[in-house]
């Protein structure tokens, strides 16, 4: 499919910048997100089956560790990320559950957790019930057609935390594979602005807020 420009997908440079900052002063209705439009593309049956299987696996989002040191490192990461996210998610239990799920789903999909948190920041400002002008839903702004293509056909489920995060991870992983490991192009495809620099640069910039150096 041909690339979609930010303007065509409902985005301007200013809107993209505002989305990255998740500014509370946006003059939009509550819960509206400034996300792009993922393009619905034909999926080969084999690809559809793989993606559907990845979505359907309902294992609880609890990571396992080979040793105590790895678990301690994870708990330190969790504590640090919880502190950073507190301004956006005030309730402790909800915040920790969200971070545990992000960690689990990104590791499961082979994605960089910090980058994925940056994507969520840009897409929805960490708002569970965000809806974009294009109709994308939830934390990772998944377009409803994905529920039909690889889910159970019920778009309302895209507001469920783990479901939304899993869809986001599976879709980004799919695009990353299609782009042969080029995250810049994969992010553009995720946003519906493939080949344009604004959205990938915003996500890469937002990622810096979630980078974690255990030695620091």
C-alpha atoms as a PDB file:
ATOM      1  CA  UNK A   1       0.000   0.000   0.000  1.00  0.00           C
ATOM      2  CA  UNK A   2       1.193   3.549  -0.657  1.00  0.00           C
ATOM      3  CA  UNK A   3       2.466   5.558   2.299  1.00  0.00           C
ATOM      4  CA  UNK A   4      -0.049   7.789   4.054  1.00  0.00           C
ATOM      5  CA  UNK A   5       1.148  11.260   4.993  1.00  0.00           C
ATOM      6  CA  UNK A   6       0.634  12.598   8.534  1.00  0.00           C
ATOM      7  CA  UNK A   7      -1.904  15.073   7.197  1.00  0.00           C
ATOM      8  CA  UNK A   8      -3.891  12.340   5.466  1.00  0.00           C
ATOM      9  CA  UNK A   9      -3.963  10.261   8.621  1.00  0.00           C
ATOM     10  CA  UNK A  10      -5.287  13.152  10.697  1.00  0.00           C
ATOM     11  CA  UNK A  11      -1.868  14.238  11.941  1.00  0.00           C
ATOM     12  CA  UNK A  12       0.041  17.488  11.624  1.00  0.00           C
ATOM     13  CA  UNK A  13       3.534  18.154  12.912  1.00  0.00           C
ATOM     14  CA  UNK A  14       2.063  20.206  15.742  1.00  0.00           C
ATOM     15  CA  UNK A  15      -0.408  17.449  16.657  1.00  0.00           C
ATOM     16  CA  UNK A  16       2.372  14.886  16.691  1.00  0.00           C
ATOM     17  CA  UNK A  17       4.437  17.028  19.024  1.00  0.00           C
ATOM     18  CA  UNK A  18       1.474  17.580  21.316  1.00  0.00           C
ATOM     19  CA  UNK A  19       0.721  13.886  21.360  1.00  0.00           C
ATOM     20  CA  UNK A  20       4.265  13.105  22.404  1.00  0.00           C
ATOM     21  CA  UNK A  21       4.003  15.465  25.325  1.00  0.00           C
ATOM     22  CA  UNK A  22       0.490  14.227  26.155  1.00  0.00           C
ATOM     23  CA  UNK A  23      -0.302  17.771  27.166  1.00  0.00           C
ATOM     24  CA  UNK A  24      -3.392  18.134  29.354  1.00  0.00           C
ATOM     25  CA  UNK A  25      -4.294  21.397  27.613  1.00  0.00           C
ATOM     26  CA  UNK A  26      -5.266  19.755  24.315  1.00  0.00           C
ATOM     27  CA  UNK A  27      -8.562  21.151  23.070  1.00  0.00           C
ATOM     28  CA  UNK A  28     -10.060  17.739  22.352  1.00  0.00           C
ATOM     29  CA  UNK A  29     -12.884  15.842  23.940  1.00  0.00           C
ATOM     30  CA  UNK A  30     -11.776  13.740  26.935  1.00  0.00           C
ATOM     31  CA  UNK A  31     -10.250  10.444  25.861  1.00  0.00           C
ATOM     32  CA  UNK A  32      -9.581  11.506  22.265  1.00  0.00           C
ATOM     33  CA  UNK A  33      -6.087  10.585  21.062  1.00  0.00           C
ATOM     34  CA  UNK A  34      -4.076  12.070  18.230  1.00  0.00           C
ATOM     35  CA  UNK A  35      -3.012   8.815  16.595  1.00  0.00           C
ATOM     36  CA  UNK A  36      -2.540   7.813  12.998  1.00  0.00           C
ATOM     37  CA  UNK A  37      -4.430   5.290  10.952  1.00  0.00           C
ATOM     38  CA  UNK A  38      -2.949   1.808  10.611  1.00  0.00           C
ATOM     39  CA  UNK A  39      -3.656   0.647   7.077  1.00  0.00           C
ATOM     40  CA  UNK A  40      -5.721  -2.491   6.616  1.00  0.00           C
ATOM     41  CA  UNK A  41      -3.691  -4.728   4.338  1.00  0.00           C
ATOM     42  CA  UNK A  42      -4.367  -8.204   2.974  1.00  0.00           C
ATOM     43  CA  UNK A  43      -2.849 -10.925   5.154  1.00  0.00           C
ATOM     44  CA  UNK A  44      -1.742 -14.288   3.827  1.00  0.00           C
ATOM     45  CA  UNK A  45      -3.532 -17.157   5.554  1.00  0.00           C
ATOM     46  CA  UNK A  46      -0.286 -18.330   7.162  1.00  0.00           C
ATOM     47  CA  UNK A  47       0.437 -14.851   8.530  1.00  0.00           C
ATOM     48  CA  UNK A  48      -3.125 -14.468   9.780  1.00  0.00           C
ATOM     49  CA  UNK A  49      -2.877 -17.825  11.567  1.00  0.00           C
ATOM     50  CA  UNK A  50       0.398 -16.904  13.258  1.00  0.00           C
ATOM     51  CA  UNK A  51      -0.903 -13.516  14.385  1.00  0.00           C
ATOM     52  CA  UNK A  52      -4.191 -14.987  15.589  1.00  0.00           C
ATOM     53  CA  UNK A  53      -2.343 -17.621  17.612  1.00  0.00           C
ATOM     54  CA  UNK A  54      -0.147 -14.928  19.152  1.00  0.00           C
ATOM     55  CA  UNK A  55      -3.241 -12.969  20.197  1.00  0.00           C
ATOM     56  CA  UNK A  56      -5.166 -15.989  21.487  1.00  0.00           C
ATOM     57  CA  UNK A  57      -2.526 -17.212  23.948  1.00  0.00           C
ATOM     58  CA  UNK A  58      -4.011 -16.108  27.271  1.00  0.00           C
ATOM     59  CA  UNK A  59      -1.126 -16.868  29.614  1.00  0.00           C
ATOM     60  CA  UNK A  60      -1.052 -14.512  32.613  1.00  0.00           C
ATOM     61  CA  UNK A  61       1.445 -11.640  32.279  1.00  0.00           C
ATOM     62  CA  UNK A  62       3.880 -12.936  34.870  1.00  0.00           C
ATOM     63  CA  UNK A  63       7.516 -13.281  33.782  1.00  0.00           C
ATOM     64  CA  UNK A  64       9.661 -16.178  34.907  1.00  0.00           C
ATOM     65  CA  UNK A  65      13.357 -15.926  35.713  1.00  0.00           C
ATOM     66  CA  UNK A  66      16.257 -18.351  35.595  1.00  0.00           C
ATOM     67  CA  UNK A  67      17.867 -17.027  38.750  1.00  0.00           C
ATOM     68  CA  UNK A  68      17.379 -14.735  41.727  1.00  0.00           C
ATOM     69  CA  UNK A  69      19.618 -12.028  40.269  1.00  0.00           C
ATOM     70  CA  UNK A  70      17.419 -11.711  37.184  1.00  0.00           C
ATOM     71  CA  UNK A  71      14.308 -11.406  39.315  1.00  0.00           C
ATOM     72  CA  UNK A  72      15.912  -8.744  41.507  1.00  0.00           C
ATOM     73  CA  UNK A  73      16.937  -6.796  38.398  1.00  0.00           C
ATOM     74  CA  UNK A  74      13.348  -6.969  37.145  1.00  0.00           C
ATOM     75  CA  UNK A  75      11.946  -5.741  40.464  1.00  0.00           C
ATOM     76  CA  UNK A  76      14.377  -2.816  40.425  1.00  0.00           C
ATOM     77  CA  UNK A  77      13.255  -1.939  36.903  1.00  0.00           C
ATOM     78  CA  UNK A  78       9.628  -2.214  37.981  1.00  0.00           C
ATOM     79  CA  UNK A  79      10.192   0.103  40.935  1.00  0.00           C
ATOM     80  CA  UNK A  80      12.004   2.701  38.838  1.00  0.00           C
ATOM     81  CA  UNK A  81       9.399   2.661  36.062  1.00  0.00           C
ATOM     82  CA  UNK A  82       6.609   2.899  38.626  1.00  0.00           C
ATOM     83  CA  UNK A  83       8.166   6.080  39.994  1.00  0.00           C
ATOM     84  CA  UNK A  84       8.473   7.565  36.505  1.00  0.00           C
ATOM     85  CA  UNK A  85       4.890   6.694  35.597  1.00  0.00           C
ATOM     86  CA  UNK A  86       3.335   7.953  38.836  1.00  0.00           C
ATOM     87  CA  UNK A  87       2.453  11.350  37.385  1.00  0.00           C
ATOM     88  CA  UNK A  88       0.407   9.711  34.638  1.00  0.00           C
ATOM     89  CA  UNK A  89      -1.030   6.806  36.636  1.00  0.00           C
ATOM     90  CA  UNK A  90      -1.541   7.746  40.254  1.00  0.00           C
ATOM     91  CA  UNK A  91      -3.054   4.478  41.530  1.00  0.00           C
ATOM     92  CA  UNK A  92      -0.218   2.151  42.586  1.00  0.00           C
ATOM     93  CA  UNK A  93      -1.822  -1.238  41.910  1.00  0.00           C
ATOM     94  CA  UNK A  94      -3.059  -0.195  38.465  1.00  0.00           C
ATOM     95  CA  UNK A  95       0.340   1.281  37.612  1.00  0.00           C
ATOM     96  CA  UNK A  96       2.269  -1.834  38.619  1.00  0.00           C
ATOM     97  CA  UNK A  97      -0.157  -4.143  36.811  1.00  0.00           C
ATOM     98  CA  UNK A  98       0.220  -2.045  33.674  1.00  0.00           C
ATOM     99  CA  UNK A  99       4.029  -2.138  33.818  1.00  0.00           C
ATOM    100  CA  UNK A 100       4.093  -5.873  34.539  1.00  0.00           C
ATOM    101  CA  UNK A 101       1.922  -6.454  31.488  1.00  0.00           C
ATOM    102  CA  UNK A 102       3.990  -4.177  29.245  1.00  0.00           C
ATOM    103  CA  UNK A 103       7.155  -5.977  30.332  1.00  0.00           C
ATOM    104  CA  UNK A 104       5.637  -9.414  29.747  1.00  0.00           C
ATOM    105  CA  UNK A 105       4.126  -8.619  26.356  1.00  0.00           C
ATOM    106  CA  UNK A 106       7.197  -6.840  24.987  1.00  0.00           C
ATOM    107  CA  UNK A 107       9.525  -9.653  26.030  1.00  0.00           C
ATOM    108  CA  UNK A 108       7.095 -12.170  24.556  1.00  0.00           C
ATOM    109  CA  UNK A 109       7.117 -10.292  21.245  1.00  0.00           C
ATOM    110  CA  UNK A 110      10.872  -9.629  21.261  1.00  0.00           C
ATOM    111  CA  UNK A 111      10.454  -5.852  21.461  1.00  0.00           C
ATOM    112  CA  UNK A 112      12.338  -3.147  23.349  1.00  0.00           C
ATOM    113  CA  UNK A 113      10.259  -2.359  26.440  1.00  0.00           C
ATOM    114  CA  UNK A 114      11.435   1.262  26.669  1.00  0.00           C
ATOM    115  CA  UNK A 115      10.603   1.874  23.026  1.00  0.00           C
ATOM    116  CA  UNK A 116       7.147   0.381  23.458  1.00  0.00           C
ATOM    117  CA  UNK A 117       6.499   2.612  26.468  1.00  0.00           C
ATOM    118  CA  UNK A 118       7.547   5.524  24.265  1.00  0.00           C
ATOM    119  CA  UNK A 119       5.062   4.385  21.636  1.00  0.00           C
ATOM    120  CA  UNK A 120       2.269   4.290  24.224  1.00  0.00           C
ATOM    121  CA  UNK A 121       3.222   7.769  25.416  1.00  0.00           C
ATOM    122  CA  UNK A 122       2.980   9.151  21.888  1.00  0.00           C
ATOM    123  CA  UNK A 123      -0.110   7.190  20.889  1.00  0.00           C
ATOM    124  CA  UNK A 124      -2.371   7.677  23.907  1.00  0.00           C
ATOM    125  CA  UNK A 125      -0.543   9.462  26.699  1.00  0.00           C
ATOM    126  CA  UNK A 126      -1.064   6.278  28.768  1.00  0.00           C
ATOM    127  CA  UNK A 127      -4.850   6.639  28.634  1.00  0.00           C
ATOM    128  CA  UNK A 128      -6.650   3.296  28.690  1.00  0.00           C
ATOM    129  CA  UNK A 129      -9.805   4.510  26.967  1.00  0.00           C
ATOM    130  CA  UNK A 130      -8.239   6.875  24.446  1.00  0.00           C
ATOM    131  CA  UNK A 131      -9.915   6.987  21.036  1.00  0.00           C
ATOM    132  CA  UNK A 132      -8.283   8.674  18.063  1.00  0.00           C
ATOM    133  CA  UNK A 133      -9.979  10.722  15.370  1.00  0.00           C
ATOM    134  CA  UNK A 134      -9.412   7.712  13.094  1.00  0.00           C
ATOM    135  CA  UNK A 135     -11.140   5.378  15.589  1.00  0.00           C
ATOM    136  CA  UNK A 136      -8.035   3.667  17.005  1.00  0.00           C
ATOM    137  CA  UNK A 137      -8.482   2.435  20.559  1.00  0.00           C
ATOM    138  CA  UNK A 138      -6.734   2.144  23.864  1.00  0.00           C
ATOM    139  CA  UNK A 139      -3.174   2.470  25.079  1.00  0.00           C
ATOM    140  CA  UNK A 140      -1.581   1.392  21.802  1.00  0.00           C
ATOM    141  CA  UNK A 141      -4.260   2.853  19.513  1.00  0.00           C
ATOM    142  CA  UNK A 142      -5.238  -0.338  17.721  1.00  0.00           C
ATOM    143  CA  UNK A 143      -7.567   0.087  14.759  1.00  0.00           C
ATOM    144  CA  UNK A 144     -10.806  -1.942  15.150  1.00  0.00           C
ATOM    145  CA  UNK A 145     -10.236  -3.931  11.948  1.00  0.00           C
ATOM    146  CA  UNK A 146      -7.486  -5.864  13.736  1.00  0.00           C
ATOM    147  CA  UNK A 147     -10.097  -7.424  16.035  1.00  0.00           C
ATOM    148  CA  UNK A 148     -11.778  -8.823  12.932  1.00  0.00           C
ATOM    149  CA  UNK A 149      -8.580  -9.919  11.191  1.00  0.00           C
ATOM    150  CA  UNK A 150      -6.783 -11.685  14.038  1.00  0.00           C
ATOM    151  CA  UNK A 151      -9.025 -11.419  17.110  1.00  0.00           C
ATOM    152  CA  UNK A 152     -12.507 -12.485  18.105  1.00  0.00           C
ATOM    153  CA  UNK A 153     -14.214  -9.778  16.072  1.00  0.00           C
ATOM    154  CA  UNK A 154     -15.173  -7.703  19.112  1.00  0.00           C
ATOM    155  CA  UNK A 155     -13.559  -4.233  18.988  1.00  0.00           C
ATOM    156  CA  UNK A 156     -14.727  -3.396  22.519  1.00  0.00           C
ATOM    157  CA  UNK A 157     -12.132  -5.844  23.847  1.00  0.00           C
ATOM    158  CA  UNK A 158      -9.423  -3.497  22.619  1.00  0.00           C
ATOM    159  CA  UNK A 159     -10.031  -1.430  25.751  1.00  0.00           C
ATOM    160  CA  UNK A 160      -9.009  -4.366  27.968  1.00  0.00           C
ATOM    161  CA  UNK A 161      -5.482  -3.648  29.176  1.00  0.00           C
ATOM    162  CA  UNK A 162      -3.711  -6.907  28.370  1.00  0.00           C
ATOM    163  CA  UNK A 163      -5.654  -7.379  25.144  1.00  0.00           C
ATOM    164  CA  UNK A 164      -4.721  -3.912  23.913  1.00  0.00           C
ATOM    165  CA  UNK A 165      -1.068  -4.234  24.874  1.00  0.00           C
ATOM    166  CA  UNK A 166      -0.866  -7.657  23.261  1.00  0.00           C
ATOM    167  CA  UNK A 167      -2.426  -6.430  20.028  1.00  0.00           C
ATOM    168  CA  UNK A 168      -0.023  -3.489  19.992  1.00  0.00           C
ATOM    169  CA  UNK A 169       3.004  -5.733  20.501  1.00  0.00           C
ATOM    170  CA  UNK A 170       1.888  -8.341  17.969  1.00  0.00           C
ATOM    171  CA  UNK A 171       1.112  -5.694  15.342  1.00  0.00           C
ATOM    172  CA  UNK A 172       4.412  -3.845  15.835  1.00  0.00           C
ATOM    173  CA  UNK A 173       6.305  -7.147  15.710  1.00  0.00           C
ATOM    174  CA  UNK A 174       4.479  -8.026  12.486  1.00  0.00           C
ATOM    175  CA  UNK A 175       5.437  -4.685  10.942  1.00  0.00           C
ATOM    176  CA  UNK A 176       9.021  -5.030  12.167  1.00  0.00           C
ATOM    177  CA  UNK A 177       9.261  -8.433  10.491  1.00  0.00           C
ATOM    178  CA  UNK A 178       7.778  -7.022   7.293  1.00  0.00           C
ATOM    179  CA  UNK A 179      10.375  -4.250   7.350  1.00  0.00           C
ATOM    180  CA  UNK A 180      13.202  -6.759   7.980  1.00  0.00           C
ATOM    181  CA  UNK A 181      14.130  -5.352  11.355  1.00  0.00           C
ATOM    182  CA  UNK A 182      13.971  -1.669  10.409  1.00  0.00           C
ATOM    183  CA  UNK A 183      12.199  -0.120  13.410  1.00  0.00           C
ATOM    184  CA  UNK A 184      12.035   3.316  11.786  1.00  0.00           C
ATOM    185  CA  UNK A 185       9.964   1.936   8.921  1.00  0.00           C
ATOM    186  CA  UNK A 186       7.970  -0.362  11.205  1.00  0.00           C
ATOM    187  CA  UNK A 187       6.925   2.567  13.379  1.00  0.00           C
ATOM    188  CA  UNK A 188       5.865   4.527  10.321  1.00  0.00           C
ATOM    189  CA  UNK A 189       3.758   1.592   9.184  1.00  0.00           C
ATOM    190  CA  UNK A 190       2.252   1.283  12.671  1.00  0.00           C
ATOM    191  CA  UNK A 191       1.149   4.916  12.501  1.00  0.00           C
ATOM    192  CA  UNK A 192       0.034   4.828   8.873  1.00  0.00           C
ATOM    193  CA  UNK A 193       2.782   7.254   7.838  1.00  0.00           C
ATOM    194  CA  UNK A 194       5.399   4.866   6.464  1.00  0.00           C
ATOM    195  CA  UNK A 195       8.525   6.621   5.251  1.00  0.00           C
ATOM    196  CA  UNK A 196       7.744   9.891   7.034  1.00  0.00           C
ATOM    197  CA  UNK A 197      10.093  10.942   9.854  1.00  0.00           C
ATOM    198  CA  UNK A 198       7.764  12.700  12.309  1.00  0.00           C
ATOM    199  CA  UNK A 199       6.177   9.751  14.072  1.00  0.00           C
ATOM    200  CA  UNK A 200       9.239   7.465  14.389  1.00  0.00           C
ATOM    201  CA  UNK A 201      11.284  10.393  15.659  1.00  0.00           C
ATOM    202  CA  UNK A 202       8.651  11.166  18.284  1.00  0.00           C
ATOM    203  CA  UNK A 203       8.658   7.573  19.516  1.00  0.00           C
ATOM    204  CA  UNK A 204      12.454   7.403  19.590  1.00  0.00           C
ATOM    205  CA  UNK A 205      12.455  10.666  21.522  1.00  0.00           C
ATOM    206  CA  UNK A 206       9.804   9.476  23.979  1.00  0.00           C
ATOM    207  CA  UNK A 207      11.764   6.258  24.514  1.00  0.00           C
ATOM    208  CA  UNK A 208      14.473   8.222  26.323  1.00  0.00           C
ATOM    209  CA  UNK A 209      12.100   8.832  29.233  1.00  0.00           C
ATOM    210  CA  UNK A 210      11.831   5.051  29.740  1.00  0.00           C
ATOM    211  CA  UNK A 211      15.393   3.918  29.125  1.00  0.00           C
ATOM    212  CA  UNK A 212      16.795   2.120  32.140  1.00  0.00           C
ATOM    213  CA  UNK A 213      20.422   1.698  33.119  1.00  0.00           C
ATOM    214  CA  UNK A 214      20.674  -0.634  36.127  1.00  0.00           C
ATOM    215  CA  UNK A 215      24.261   0.476  36.728  1.00  0.00           C
ATOM    216  CA  UNK A 216      23.304   4.146  37.060  1.00  0.00           C
END
